[in-house]
C-alpha atoms as a PDB file:
ATOM      1  CA  MET A   1      98.601  96.401  68.524  1.00  0.00           C
ATOM      2  CA  ASN A   2      97.856  94.622  72.028  1.00  0.00           C
ATOM      3  CA  PRO A   3      94.040  93.584  72.068  1.00  0.00           C
ATOM      4  CA  GLU A   4      93.729  95.898  75.133  1.00  0.00           C
ATOM      5  CA  GLU A   5      94.579  98.907  73.255  1.00  0.00           C
ATOM      6  CA  LYS A   6      91.482  98.595  71.190  1.00  0.00           C
ATOM      7  CA  THR A   7      89.145  99.112  74.392  1.00  0.00           C
ATOM      8  CA  GLY A   8      88.846 101.261  77.476  1.00  0.00           C
ATOM      9  CA  ILE A   9      86.726 102.641  80.348  1.00  0.00           C
ATOM     10  CA  LEU A  10      83.504 104.585  79.186  1.00  0.00           C
ATOM     11  CA  GLY A  11      82.024 105.110  82.471  1.00  0.00           C
ATOM     12  CA  TRP A  12      82.960 104.446  86.104  1.00  0.00           C
ATOM     13  CA  GLY A  13      81.198 104.656  89.237  1.00  0.00           C
ATOM     14  CA  SER A  14      81.203 103.734  93.150  1.00  0.00           C
ATOM     15  CA  TYR A  15      78.927 103.425  95.875  1.00  0.00           C
ATOM     16  CA  ILE A  16      79.948 103.643  99.851  1.00  0.00           C
ATOM     17  CA  PRO A  17      77.218 103.049 102.398  1.00  0.00           C
ATOM     18  CA  ARG A  18      76.923 106.216 104.717  1.00  0.00           C
ATOM     19  CA  TRP A  19      77.334 103.966 107.931  1.00  0.00           C
ATOM     20  CA  ARG A  20      81.043 103.792 109.431  1.00  0.00           C
ATOM     21  CA  LEU A  21      82.254 101.842 112.322  1.00  0.00           C
ATOM     22  CA  PRO A  22      85.308 103.416 114.103  1.00  0.00           C
ATOM     23  CA  LEU A  23      88.036 100.411 114.608  1.00  0.00           C
ATOM     24  CA  SER A  24      88.496 101.723 118.188  1.00  0.00           C
ATOM     25  CA  ASP A  25      84.982 100.317 118.939  1.00  0.00           C
ATOM     26  CA  ILE A  26      86.031  96.892 117.796  1.00  0.00           C
ATOM     27  CA  ALA A  27      89.211  97.016 119.822  1.00  0.00           C
ATOM     28  CA  ARG A  28      87.039  98.105 122.748  1.00  0.00           C
ATOM     29  CA  VAL A  29      84.559  95.256 122.444  1.00  0.00           C
ATOM     30  CA  TRP A  30      87.001  92.271 121.800  1.00  0.00           C
ATOM     31  CA  GLY A  31      89.913  93.628 123.947  1.00  0.00           C
ATOM     32  CA  PHE A  32      92.270  94.222 120.985  1.00  0.00           C
ATOM     33  CA  ASN A  33      95.432  96.407 121.386  1.00  0.00           C
ATOM     34  CA  PRO A  34      93.956 100.163 120.953  1.00  0.00           C
ATOM     35  CA  LYS A  35      97.161 100.821 118.604  1.00  0.00           C
ATOM     36  CA  GLU A  36      95.861  97.831 116.174  1.00  0.00           C
ATOM     37  CA  PRO A  37      93.904 100.204 114.011  1.00  0.00           C
ATOM     38  CA  GLU A  38      96.854 102.595 113.930  1.00  0.00           C
ATOM     39  CA  GLU A  39      99.069  99.802 112.882  1.00  0.00           C
ATOM     40  CA  LEU A  40      96.759  98.741 109.897  1.00  0.00           C
ATOM     41  CA  ASN A  41      96.502 102.267 109.051  1.00  0.00           C
ATOM     42  CA  VAL A  42      92.920 101.999 108.813  1.00  0.00           C
ATOM     43  CA  PHE A  43      90.617 103.923 111.334  1.00  0.00           C
ATOM     44  CA  GLU A  44      86.784 103.227 110.370  1.00  0.00           C
ATOM     45  CA  LYS A  45      85.232 100.788 108.127  1.00  0.00           C
ATOM     46  CA  SER A  46      81.789 101.415 105.786  1.00  0.00           C
ATOM     47  CA  VAL A  47      78.901  98.968 106.911  1.00  0.00           C
ATOM     48  CA  ALA A  48      75.896  98.196 104.566  1.00  0.00           C
ATOM     49  CA  GLY A  49      72.654  98.845 106.087  1.00  0.00           C
ATOM     50  CA  VAL A  50      70.035  96.405 107.050  1.00  0.00           C
ATOM     51  CA  ASP A  51      68.247  97.138 103.413  1.00  0.00           C
ATOM     52  CA  GLU A  52      71.405  97.006 101.646  1.00  0.00           C
ATOM     53  CA  ASP A  53      73.489  94.008 100.041  1.00  0.00           C
ATOM     54  CA  SER A  54      76.038  93.328  97.302  1.00  0.00           C
ATOM     55  CA  VAL A  55      73.458  93.610  94.575  1.00  0.00           C
ATOM     56  CA  THR A  56      71.921  97.094  95.718  1.00  0.00           C
ATOM     57  CA  MET A  57      75.334  98.459  96.140  1.00  0.00           C
ATOM     58  CA  GLY A  58      76.397  97.074  92.797  1.00  0.00           C
ATOM     59  CA  TRP A  59      73.162  98.729  91.318  1.00  0.00           C
ATOM     60  CA  GLU A  60      73.944 101.924  92.509  1.00  0.00           C
ATOM     61  CA  ALA A  61      77.708 102.022  91.461  1.00  0.00           C
ATOM     62  CA  ALA A  62      76.632 100.708  88.028  1.00  0.00           C
ATOM     63  CA  ARG A  63      74.031 103.521  87.727  1.00  0.00           C
ATOM     64  CA  ASN A  64      76.923 106.202  88.259  1.00  0.00           C
ATOM     65  CA  ALA A  65      78.977 104.150  85.459  1.00  0.00           C
ATOM     66  CA  LEU A  66      76.052 104.527  83.216  1.00  0.00           C
ATOM     67  CA  LYS A  67      75.554 108.033  83.730  1.00  0.00           C
ATOM     68  CA  ARG A  68      79.241 108.761  82.833  1.00  0.00           C
ATOM     69  CA  ALA A  69      79.319 106.573  79.739  1.00  0.00           C
ATOM     70  CA  GLY A  70      76.139 108.166  78.388  1.00  0.00           C
ATOM     71  CA  ILE A  71      75.186 104.808  76.400  1.00  0.00           C
ATOM     72  CA  ASP A  72      72.072 103.041  76.115  1.00  0.00           C
ATOM     73  CA  PRO A  73      71.949 100.176  78.474  1.00  0.00           C
ATOM     74  CA  ARG A  74      70.340  97.999  75.651  1.00  0.00           C
ATOM     75  CA  GLU A  75      73.811  98.003  73.982  1.00  0.00           C
ATOM     76  CA  ILE A  76      75.517  96.572  77.029  1.00  0.00           C
ATOM     77  CA  GLY A  77      76.030  92.820  75.682  1.00  0.00           C
ATOM     78  CA  ALA A  78      77.609  91.631  79.001  1.00  0.00           C
ATOM     79  CA  VAL A  79      76.988  92.402  82.778  1.00  0.00           C
ATOM     80  CA  TRP A  80      79.672  90.534  84.907  1.00  0.00           C
ATOM     81  CA  PHE A  81      79.281  90.657  88.744  1.00  0.00           C
ATOM     82  CA  GLY A  82      82.159  89.855  91.052  1.00  0.00           C
ATOM     83  CA  THR A  83      81.534  89.177  94.471  1.00  0.00           C
ATOM     84  CA  GLU A  84      82.011  86.876  97.491  1.00  0.00           C
ATOM     85  CA  SER A  85      79.216  87.923  99.276  1.00  0.00           C
ATOM     86  CA  LYS A  86      76.173  87.399  96.989  1.00  0.00           C
ATOM     87  CA  PRO A  87      72.752  87.448  98.481  1.00  0.00           C
ATOM     88  CA  TYR A  88      71.904  84.093  96.876  1.00  0.00           C
ATOM     89  CA  ALA A  89      73.995  80.793  97.113  1.00  0.00           C
ATOM     90  CA  VAL A  90      72.006  79.675  93.787  1.00  0.00           C
ATOM     91  CA  LYS A  91      70.704  82.357  91.814  1.00  0.00           C
ATOM     92  CA  PRO A  92      72.720  84.956  89.640  1.00  0.00           C
ATOM     93  CA  SER A  93      72.962  88.462  91.029  1.00  0.00           C
ATOM     94  CA  ALA A  94      74.015  89.726  87.630  1.00  0.00           C
ATOM     95  CA  THR A  95      70.532  89.175  86.077  1.00  0.00           C
ATOM     96  CA  ILE A  96      69.052  91.363  88.962  1.00  0.00           C
ATOM     97  CA  ILE A  97      71.210  94.215  88.225  1.00  0.00           C
ATOM     98  CA  ALA A  98      70.817  93.905  84.384  1.00  0.00           C
ATOM     99  CA  GLU A  99      67.027  93.678  84.765  1.00  0.00           C
ATOM    100  CA  ALA A 100      66.989  96.782  87.009  1.00  0.00           C
ATOM    101  CA  LEU A 101      69.037  98.860  84.674  1.00  0.00           C
ATOM    102  CA  GLY A 102      66.982  97.839  81.460  1.00  0.00           C
ATOM    103  CA  ILE A 103      69.638  95.965  80.048  1.00  0.00           C
ATOM    104  CA  THR A 104      68.060  92.500  79.437  1.00  0.00           C
ATOM    105  CA  PRO A 105      67.008  90.222  77.618  1.00  0.00           C
ATOM    106  CA  ASP A 106      69.775  90.742  74.842  1.00  0.00           C
ATOM    107  CA  THR A 107      72.722  90.287  77.099  1.00  0.00           C
ATOM    108  CA  MET A 108      75.105  87.793  78.800  1.00  0.00           C
ATOM    109  CA  ALA A 109      74.655  88.003  82.615  1.00  0.00           C
ATOM    110  CA  THR A 110      77.204  86.109  84.943  1.00  0.00           C
ATOM    111  CA  ASP A 111      78.564  85.981  88.436  1.00  0.00           C
ATOM    112  CA  TRP A 112      82.342  85.618  88.829  1.00  0.00           C
ATOM    113  CA  GLU A 113      84.248  84.222  91.822  1.00  0.00           C
ATOM    114  CA  PHE A 114      87.860  84.675  92.569  1.00  0.00           C
ATOM    115  CA  ALA A 115      88.089  86.038  96.130  1.00  0.00           C
ATOM    116  CA  CYS A 116      88.741  89.762  95.852  1.00  0.00           C
ATOM    117  CA  ARG A 117      90.057  89.354  92.170  1.00  0.00           C
ATOM    118  CA  ALA A 118      86.634  88.180  90.849  1.00  0.00           C
ATOM    119  CA  ALA A 119      85.837  91.379  89.394  1.00  0.00           C
ATOM    120  CA  SER A 120      89.154  92.067  88.003  1.00  0.00           C
ATOM    121  CA  GLU A 121      89.154  88.640  86.195  1.00  0.00           C
ATOM    122  CA  ALA A 122      85.807  89.845  84.825  1.00  0.00           C
ATOM    123  CA  LEU A 123      87.533  93.073  83.706  1.00  0.00           C
ATOM    124  CA  ARG A 124      90.308  91.474  81.934  1.00  0.00           C
ATOM    125  CA  ALA A 125      87.785  88.964  80.331  1.00  0.00           C
ATOM    126  CA  SER A 126      85.826  91.753  79.048  1.00  0.00           C
ATOM    127  CA  ILE A 127      88.737  93.454  77.228  1.00  0.00           C
ATOM    128  CA  GLY A 128      88.776  90.326  75.075  1.00  0.00           C
ATOM    129  CA  VAL A 129      85.102  90.393  74.247  1.00  0.00           C
ATOM    130  CA  VAL A 130      84.969  93.944  73.446  1.00  0.00           C
ATOM    131  CA  ALA A 131      88.399  93.994  71.332  1.00  0.00           C
ATOM    132  CA  SER A 132      87.106  91.160  69.300  1.00  0.00           C
ATOM    133  CA  GLY A 133      83.751  92.759  68.493  1.00  0.00           C
ATOM    134  CA  MET A 134      81.814  89.715  70.160  1.00  0.00           C
ATOM    135  CA  VAL A 135      80.066  92.882  72.367  1.00  0.00           C
ATOM    136  CA  LYS A 136      80.096  96.436  71.794  1.00  0.00           C
ATOM    137  CA  TYR A 137      80.146  97.079  75.912  1.00  0.00           C
ATOM    138  CA  ALA A 138      80.499  95.332  79.101  1.00  0.00           C
ATOM    139  CA  LEU A 139      79.446  96.247  82.288  1.00  0.00           C
ATOM    140  CA  ILE A 140      81.961  94.802  85.282  1.00  0.00           C
ATOM    141  CA  ILE A 141      80.768  95.188  88.937  1.00  0.00           C
ATOM    142  CA  GLY A 142      82.747  94.600  92.135  1.00  0.00           C
ATOM    143  CA  SER A 143      80.591  94.520  95.220  1.00  0.00           C
ATOM    144  CA  ASP A 144      80.894  92.957  98.561  1.00  0.00           C
ATOM    145  CA  THR A 145      79.374  93.199 102.085  1.00  0.00           C
ATOM    146  CA  ALA A 146      82.612  91.675 103.338  1.00  0.00           C
ATOM    147  CA  GLN A 147      82.418  89.166 106.095  1.00  0.00           C
ATOM    148  CA  ALA A 148      84.491  88.289 109.054  1.00  0.00           C
ATOM    149  CA  ASN A 149      84.108  86.244 112.260  1.00  0.00           C
ATOM    150  CA  PRO A 150      83.267  88.438 115.234  1.00  0.00           C
ATOM    151  CA  GLY A 151      86.426  88.929 117.366  1.00  0.00           C
ATOM    152  CA  ASP A 152      88.794  87.974 114.436  1.00  0.00           C
ATOM    153  CA  VAL A 153      91.298  90.434 113.387  1.00  0.00           C
ATOM    154  CA  LEU A 154      89.812  90.264 110.139  1.00  0.00           C
ATOM    155  CA  GLU A 155      86.618  92.252 111.326  1.00  0.00           C
ATOM    156  CA  PHE A 156      88.849  95.375 111.782  1.00  0.00           C
ATOM    157  CA  THR A 157      88.931  95.708 107.763  1.00  0.00           C
ATOM    158  CA  ALA A 158      86.097  93.654 106.393  1.00  0.00           C
ATOM    159  CA  SER A 159      83.768  96.359 105.011  1.00  0.00           C
ATOM    160  CA  SER A 160      81.022  97.011 102.382  1.00  0.00           C
ATOM    161  CA  ALA A 161      81.335  98.949  98.903  1.00  0.00           C
ATOM    162  CA  ALA A 162      80.935  98.711  95.383  1.00  0.00           C
ATOM    163  CA  THR A 163      82.512  99.988  92.009  1.00  0.00           C
ATOM    164  CA  ALA A 164      81.425  99.519  88.384  1.00  0.00           C
ATOM    165  CA  LEU A 165      83.182  99.893  85.048  1.00  0.00           C
ATOM    166  CA  ILE A 166      81.942 100.070  81.393  1.00  0.00           C
ATOM    167  CA  VAL A 167      84.097  98.686  78.862  1.00  0.00           C
ATOM    168  CA  GLY A 168      83.932  99.775  75.237  1.00  0.00           C
ATOM    169  CA  PRO A 169      85.808 100.801  72.294  1.00  0.00           C
ATOM    170  CA  ARG A 170      88.993 102.996  72.623  1.00  0.00           C
ATOM    171  CA  GLU A 171      87.703 105.919  70.696  1.00  0.00           C
ATOM    172  CA  GLU A 172      84.882 106.400  72.941  1.00  0.00           C
ATOM    173  CA  ALA A 173      87.048 105.896  76.089  1.00  0.00           C
ATOM    174  CA  ALA A 174      87.707 108.146  79.024  1.00  0.00           C
ATOM    175  CA  ALA A 175      90.711 105.979  79.522  1.00  0.00           C
ATOM    176  CA  TYR A 176      92.272 103.246  77.454  1.00  0.00           C
ATOM    177  CA  PHE A 177      93.919 100.080  77.992  1.00  0.00           C
ATOM    178  CA  GLU A 178      97.647  99.675  77.052  1.00  0.00           C
ATOM    179  CA  ALA A 179      98.351  96.373  78.210  1.00  0.00           C
ATOM    180  CA  SER A 180      97.509  93.824  81.101  1.00  0.00           C
ATOM    181  CA  TYR A 181      99.357  90.818  82.835  1.00  0.00           C
ATOM    182  CA  THR A 182      98.006  88.057  84.983  1.00  0.00           C
ATOM    183  CA  TYR A 183      99.795  85.894  87.702  1.00  0.00           C
ATOM    184  CA  VAL A 184      98.116  83.284  89.399  1.00  0.00           C
ATOM    185  CA  THR A 185      99.390  80.134  91.646  1.00  0.00           C
ATOM    186  CA  ASP A 186      97.331  77.613  94.088  1.00  0.00           C
ATOM    187  CA  THR A 187      98.120  79.637  97.287  1.00  0.00           C
ATOM    188  CA  PRO A 188      95.687  78.516 100.352  1.00  0.00           C
ATOM    189  CA  ASP A 189      96.064  82.011 102.105  1.00  0.00           C
ATOM    190  CA  PHE A 190      92.216  82.572 102.626  1.00  0.00           C
ATOM    191  CA  TRP A 191      89.185  80.398 102.129  1.00  0.00           C
ATOM    192  CA  ARG A 192      85.811  79.589 103.208  1.00  0.00           C
ATOM    193  CA  ARG A 193      84.364  76.123 103.162  1.00  0.00           C
ATOM    194  CA  ALA A 194      80.636  75.446 102.115  1.00  0.00           C
ATOM    195  CA  HIS A 195      78.032  76.253 104.898  1.00  0.00           C
ATOM    196  CA  ALA A 196      80.498  78.232 106.846  1.00  0.00           C
ATOM    197  CA  HIS A 197      79.334  81.809 107.678  1.00  0.00           C
ATOM    198  CA  TYR A 198      83.023  83.370 107.706  1.00  0.00           C
ATOM    199  CA  PRO A 199      86.230  82.774 106.068  1.00  0.00           C
ATOM    200  CA  LEU A 200      89.267  81.625 107.474  1.00  0.00           C
ATOM    201  CA  HIS A 201      92.739  83.180 106.727  1.00  0.00           C
ATOM    202  CA  GLY A 202      96.454  82.276 107.329  1.00  0.00           C
ATOM    203  CA  GLU A 203      97.299  85.380 109.352  1.00  0.00           C
ATOM    204  CA  ALA A 204     100.846  86.511 108.429  1.00  0.00           C
ATOM    205  CA  PHE A 205     100.852  84.077 105.493  1.00  0.00           C
ATOM    206  CA  THR A 206      98.142  86.098 103.664  1.00  0.00           C
ATOM    207  CA  GLY A 207     101.064  88.601 103.194  1.00  0.00           C
ATOM    208  CA  GLU A 208     104.556  87.352 102.139  1.00  0.00           C
ATOM    209  CA  PRO A 209     103.569  84.258  99.899  1.00  0.00           C
ATOM    210  CA  ALA A 210     100.390  85.475  98.681  1.00  0.00           C
ATOM    211  CA  TYR A 211      99.702  89.500  98.416  1.00  0.00           C
ATOM    212  CA  PHE A 212     103.235  90.833  97.944  1.00  0.00           C
ATOM    213  CA  HIS A 213     104.426  87.767  95.709  1.00  0.00           C
ATOM    214  CA  HIS A 214     101.467  87.919  93.260  1.00  0.00           C
ATOM    215  CA  ILE A 215     101.383  91.681  92.739  1.00  0.00           C
ATOM    216  CA  THR A 216     104.865  92.164  92.669  1.00  0.00           C
ATOM    217  CA  ASN A 217     105.098  89.349  89.889  1.00  0.00           C
ATOM    218  CA  ALA A 218     102.055  90.573  88.036  1.00  0.00           C
ATOM    219  CA  VAL A 219     103.411  94.269  87.977  1.00  0.00           C
ATOM    220  CA  LYS A 220     106.960  92.929  86.814  1.00  0.00           C
ATOM    221  CA  GLY A 221     105.319  90.854  84.114  1.00  0.00           C
ATOM    222  CA  LEU A 222     103.633  94.167  82.942  1.00  0.00           C
ATOM    223  CA  PHE A 223     106.613  95.952  82.896  1.00  0.00           C
ATOM    224  CA  GLU A 224     108.563  93.239  80.881  1.00  0.00           C
ATOM    225  CA  LYS A 225     105.588  93.140  78.644  1.00  0.00           C
ATOM    226  CA  THR A 226     105.758  96.664  77.962  1.00  0.00           C
ATOM    227  CA  GLY A 227     108.997  98.106  78.867  1.00  0.00           C
ATOM    228  CA  LEU A 228     107.458 100.423  81.238  1.00  0.00           C
ATOM    229  CA  LYS A 229     108.679 101.473  84.596  1.00  0.00           C
ATOM    230  CA  PRO A 230     107.737 103.251  87.643  1.00  0.00           C
ATOM    231  CA  GLU A 231     108.385 106.553  86.714  1.00  0.00           C
ATOM    232  CA  ASP A 232     106.488 106.026  83.611  1.00  0.00           C
ATOM    233  CA  PHE A 233     103.229 105.940  85.803  1.00  0.00           C
ATOM    234  CA  ASP A 234     101.222 108.926  87.629  1.00  0.00           C
ATOM    235  CA  TYR A 235      99.359 106.703  89.924  1.00  0.00           C
ATOM    236  CA  ALA A 236      99.792 103.154  91.262  1.00  0.00           C
ATOM    237  CA  ILE A 237      96.544 101.537  92.778  1.00  0.00           C
ATOM    238  CA  PHE A 238      97.190  97.968  94.375  1.00  0.00           C
ATOM    239  CA  HIS A 239      94.505  95.885  96.160  1.00  0.00           C
ATOM    240  CA  GLN A 240      94.103  97.250  99.711  1.00  0.00           C
ATOM    241  CA  PRO A 241      93.318  94.677 102.541  1.00  0.00           C
ATOM    242  CA  ASN A 242      94.516  97.382 104.860  1.00  0.00           C
ATOM    243  CA  GLY A 243      96.432 100.870 104.638  1.00  0.00           C
ATOM    244  CA  THR A 244      99.751  99.513 105.072  1.00  0.00           C
ATOM    245  CA  PHE A 245     100.050  96.541 102.343  1.00  0.00           C
ATOM    246  CA  PRO A 246      99.663  99.073  99.086  1.00  0.00           C
ATOM    247  CA  LEU A 247     102.418 101.235 100.508  1.00  0.00           C
ATOM    248  CA  ARG A 248     104.712  98.390 101.246  1.00  0.00           C
ATOM    249  CA  VAL A 249     104.131  96.668  97.980  1.00  0.00           C
ATOM    250  CA  GLY A 250     104.638 100.077  96.099  1.00  0.00           C
ATOM    251  CA  ARG A 251     108.010 100.525  97.903  1.00  0.00           C
ATOM    252  CA  MET A 252     109.057  96.972  96.598  1.00  0.00           C
ATOM    253  CA  LEU A 253     108.312  97.910  93.116  1.00  0.00           C
ATOM    254  CA  GLY A 254     109.764 101.334  93.167  1.00  0.00           C
ATOM    255  CA  PHE A 255     106.638 103.527  93.261  1.00  0.00           C
ATOM    256  CA  PRO A 256     106.992 106.561  95.730  1.00  0.00           C
ATOM    257  CA  LYS A 257     104.012 107.098  98.454  1.00  0.00           C
ATOM    258  CA  GLU A 258     102.663 110.187  96.509  1.00  0.00           C
ATOM    259  CA  LYS A 259     101.944 108.068  93.731  1.00  0.00           C
ATOM    260  CA  ILE A 260     100.047 105.469  95.806  1.00  0.00           C
ATOM    261  CA  THR A 261      97.949 107.859  98.364  1.00  0.00           C
ATOM    262  CA  PRO A 262      95.702 109.420  95.833  1.00  0.00           C
ATOM    263  CA  GLY A 263      94.048 105.932  95.463  1.00  0.00           C
ATOM    264  CA  LEU A 264      94.400 104.816  98.819  1.00  0.00           C
ATOM    265  CA  VAL A 265      90.660 104.507 100.560  1.00  0.00           C
ATOM    266  CA  THR A 266      91.065 101.728 102.856  1.00  0.00           C
ATOM    267  CA  PRO A 267      92.131 103.819 105.768  1.00  0.00           C
ATOM    268  CA  TYR A 268      88.514 105.423 105.642  1.00  0.00           C
ATOM    269  CA  ILE A 269      86.206 102.657 104.534  1.00  0.00           C
ATOM    270  CA  GLY A 270      88.238  99.336 105.311  1.00  0.00           C
ATOM    271  CA  ASN A 271      88.688  96.361 102.726  1.00  0.00           C
ATOM    272  CA  SER A 272      85.600  96.012 100.391  1.00  0.00           C
ATOM    273  CA  TYR A 273      87.008  93.067  98.811  1.00  0.00           C
ATOM    274  CA  ASN A 274      86.025  92.754  95.202  1.00  0.00           C
ATOM    275  CA  SER A 275      85.914  96.772  94.981  1.00  0.00           C
ATOM    276  CA  SER A 276      88.895  97.530  96.991  1.00  0.00           C
ATOM    277  CA  ALA A 277      91.613  98.240  94.266  1.00  0.00           C
ATOM    278  CA  LEU A 278      88.640  99.311  91.938  1.00  0.00           C
ATOM    279  CA  ILE A 279      87.393 101.976  94.207  1.00  0.00           C
ATOM    280  CA  GLY A 280      90.566 103.328  94.629  1.00  0.00           C
ATOM    281  CA  PHE A 281      90.770 103.380  90.546  1.00  0.00           C
ATOM    282  CA  SER A 282      87.332 105.095  90.497  1.00  0.00           C
ATOM    283  CA  LYS A 283      88.717 107.722  92.813  1.00  0.00           C
ATOM    284  CA  VAL A 284      91.766 108.405  90.716  1.00  0.00           C
ATOM    285  CA  LEU A 285      89.413 108.633  87.583  1.00  0.00           C
ATOM    286  CA  ASP A 286      87.707 111.287  89.388  1.00  0.00           C
ATOM    287  CA  GLU A 287      90.723 113.607  89.374  1.00  0.00           C
ATOM    288  CA  ALA A 288      93.324 112.406  86.740  1.00  0.00           C
ATOM    289  CA  LYS A 289      94.135 114.656  83.917  1.00  0.00           C
ATOM    290  CA  PRO A 290      94.310 113.751  80.258  1.00  0.00           C
ATOM    291  CA  GLY A 291      97.498 111.862  79.252  1.00  0.00           C
ATOM    292  CA  GLN A 292      98.210 110.608  82.571  1.00  0.00           C
ATOM    293  CA  ARG A 293      98.884 106.855  83.106  1.00  0.00           C
ATOM    294  CA  ILE A 294      97.683 104.654  85.760  1.00  0.00           C
ATOM    295  CA  LEU A 295      98.931 101.105  87.096  1.00  0.00           C
ATOM    296  CA  LEU A 296      95.985  99.276  88.420  1.00  0.00           C
ATOM    297  CA  ALA A 297      97.035  95.844  90.356  1.00  0.00           C
ATOM    298  CA  PRO A 298      94.104  94.117  92.197  1.00  0.00           C
ATOM    299  CA  PHE A 299      94.798  90.987  94.245  1.00  0.00           C
ATOM    300  CA  GLY A 300      92.484  87.875  95.110  1.00  0.00           C
ATOM    301  CA  SER A 301      93.382  85.314  97.449  1.00  0.00           C
ATOM    302  CA  GLY A 302      93.866  81.569  96.440  1.00  0.00           C
ATOM    303  CA  ALA A 303      95.718  83.501  94.878  1.00  0.00           C
ATOM    304  CA  GLY A 304      95.985  85.582  91.828  1.00  0.00           C
ATOM    305  CA  SER A 305      96.832  89.516  90.626  1.00  0.00           C
ATOM    306  CA  ASP A 306      96.247  91.227  87.658  1.00  0.00           C
ATOM    307  CA  ALA A 307      98.260  94.220  86.357  1.00  0.00           C
ATOM    308  CA  TYR A 308      96.688  97.165  84.059  1.00  0.00           C
ATOM    309  CA  SER A 309      98.490  99.946  82.281  1.00  0.00           C
ATOM    310  CA  ILE A 310      95.908 102.463  81.752  1.00  0.00           C
ATOM    311  CA  VAL A 311      96.130 105.982  79.916  1.00  0.00           C
ATOM    312  CA  VAL A 312      93.548 108.956  80.448  1.00  0.00           C
ATOM    313  CA  THR A 313      92.003 110.698  77.530  1.00  0.00           C
ATOM    314  CA  GLU A 314      90.480 114.026  76.926  1.00  0.00           C
ATOM    315  CA  ASN A 315      86.936 112.408  77.529  1.00  0.00           C
ATOM    316  CA  ILE A 316      87.682 112.168  81.165  1.00  0.00           C
ATOM    317  CA  VAL A 317      86.872 116.014  81.715  1.00  0.00           C
ATOM    318  CA  SER A 318      83.190 115.973  80.533  1.00  0.00           C
ATOM    319  CA  ARG A 319      82.527 112.234  82.020  1.00  0.00           C
ATOM    320  CA  ARG A 320      83.460 112.783  85.592  1.00  0.00           C
ATOM    321  CA  GLU A 321      80.989 115.566  86.519  1.00  0.00           C
ATOM    322  CA  LYS A 322      78.164 112.995  85.541  1.00  0.00           C
ATOM    323  CA  GLY A 323      78.121 110.669  88.664  1.00  0.00           C
ATOM    324  CA  VAL A 324      78.661 110.870  92.302  1.00  0.00           C
ATOM    325  CA  LYS A 325      82.534 111.020  93.080  1.00  0.00           C
ATOM    326  CA  VAL A 326      84.260 108.923  95.475  1.00  0.00           C
ATOM    327  CA  SER A 327      85.310 111.843  97.634  1.00  0.00           C
ATOM    328  CA  GLU A 328      81.559 112.783  98.096  1.00  0.00           C
ATOM    329  CA  TYR A 329      80.713 109.346  99.344  1.00  0.00           C
ATOM    330  CA  LEU A 330      83.811 109.436 101.749  1.00  0.00           C
ATOM    331  CA  GLN A 331      82.373 112.764 103.206  1.00  0.00           C
ATOM    332  CA  ARG A 332      78.770 111.442 103.400  1.00  0.00           C
ATOM    333  CA  LYS A 333      79.034 109.442 106.479  1.00  0.00           C
ATOM    334  CA  HIS A 334      77.423 108.681 109.819  1.00  0.00           C
ATOM    335  CA  LEU A 335      79.176 107.049 112.538  1.00  0.00           C
ATOM    336  CA  ILE A 336      77.595 103.918 114.290  1.00  0.00           C
ATOM    337  CA  ASP A 337      78.849 101.687 117.341  1.00  0.00           C
ATOM    338  CA  TYR A 338      79.541  98.125 117.444  1.00  0.00           C
ATOM    339  CA  ALA A 339      75.907  97.184 118.722  1.00  0.00           C
ATOM    340  CA  LEU A 340      74.317  98.762 115.849  1.00  0.00           C
ATOM    341  CA  TYR A 341      76.954  97.282 113.301  1.00  0.00           C
ATOM    342  CA  ALA A 342      76.098  93.784 114.737  1.00  0.00           C
ATOM    343  CA  LYS A 343      72.225  94.383 114.155  1.00  0.00           C
ATOM    344  CA  TYR A 344      73.041  95.739 110.403  1.00  0.00           C
ATOM    345  CA  ARG A 345      75.269  92.786 109.702  1.00  0.00           C
ATOM    346  CA  GLY A 346      73.036  90.232 111.232  1.00  0.00           C
ATOM    347  CA  LEU A 347      75.831  88.896 114.043  1.00  0.00           C
ATOM    348  CA  ILE A 348      73.517  88.706 117.113  1.00  0.00           C
ATOM    349  CA  ASP A 349      72.573  85.097 116.691  1.00  0.00           C
ATOM    350  CA  ARG A 350      76.018  84.046 115.480  1.00  0.00           C
ATOM    351  CA  ILE A 351      78.031  85.383 118.369  1.00  0.00           C
ATOM    352  CA  LYS A 352      78.824  82.390 120.642  1.00  0.00           C
ATOM    353  CA  GLY A 353      80.110  82.378 124.096  1.00  0.00           C
END
């Protein structure tokens, strides 16, 4: 038995801010080709409000996950927070959420960093600490108020959202892990230096040698490890930097579009970095049936990808009704213009002529 097979997802939850910025407004303000959003297959993005940050969003997602798990928060032995937009440069965010949820003091609490893959990195590590018996439950949170330099093409997709997962023993799980595989190299496709407000990226370089190379190799490694094939999966969820890359990498791996689109949320909320693939996973868990198998493959620049095979159990039916579904957050929205977006994200004093 793989260590993964001893563990599973007990609870899951997400949070998406209600504020949405149409990408057509970004194109208008900065003079981009009006067809650019259509080419990205992204039409609007979620924006954190003036009173929201990665911690408040992560807390909301974690609260939904706890409702579904139905466990005592004091039994959670690890709180791991993955982000690249934490509110404090020096102070853990995980401790704030752990305290607010009543988990402290008898727990581990740590912030993780690996670009968009930090939460997935924490997820894979949580499988190990739960399978070993070191902790009974682990709470993993991916949350970002994604940044982009005003006028940069990255601004089309950088958005805000959060997802949380609670990992515990397989016998209590709504979905259990079968296996996982990680593929990592040193690939400088996306970075941000100290004191810089916004990240830089390698434009098209972020695709071929970074995103596609790492995800395809992680998934192929999982296939080789398990003997599974694309036809063995009911859903396939990939990291979602835009609305086209997941469909393209799916084709490269032999997955039909209908297995990818149920978890594709980027066209409606943009790329929420650490919750990008996980929020798609959360959406699929909101509708998946017992016995169905899910492929989850997050990616983080720098660069690395994880691939997970996950099987849904009978517990999914009773758990999913206890929290707010992703579809409900998608429907709950209020459109804003670029001026209000700039105010909410504190861009006014940073735009230079």
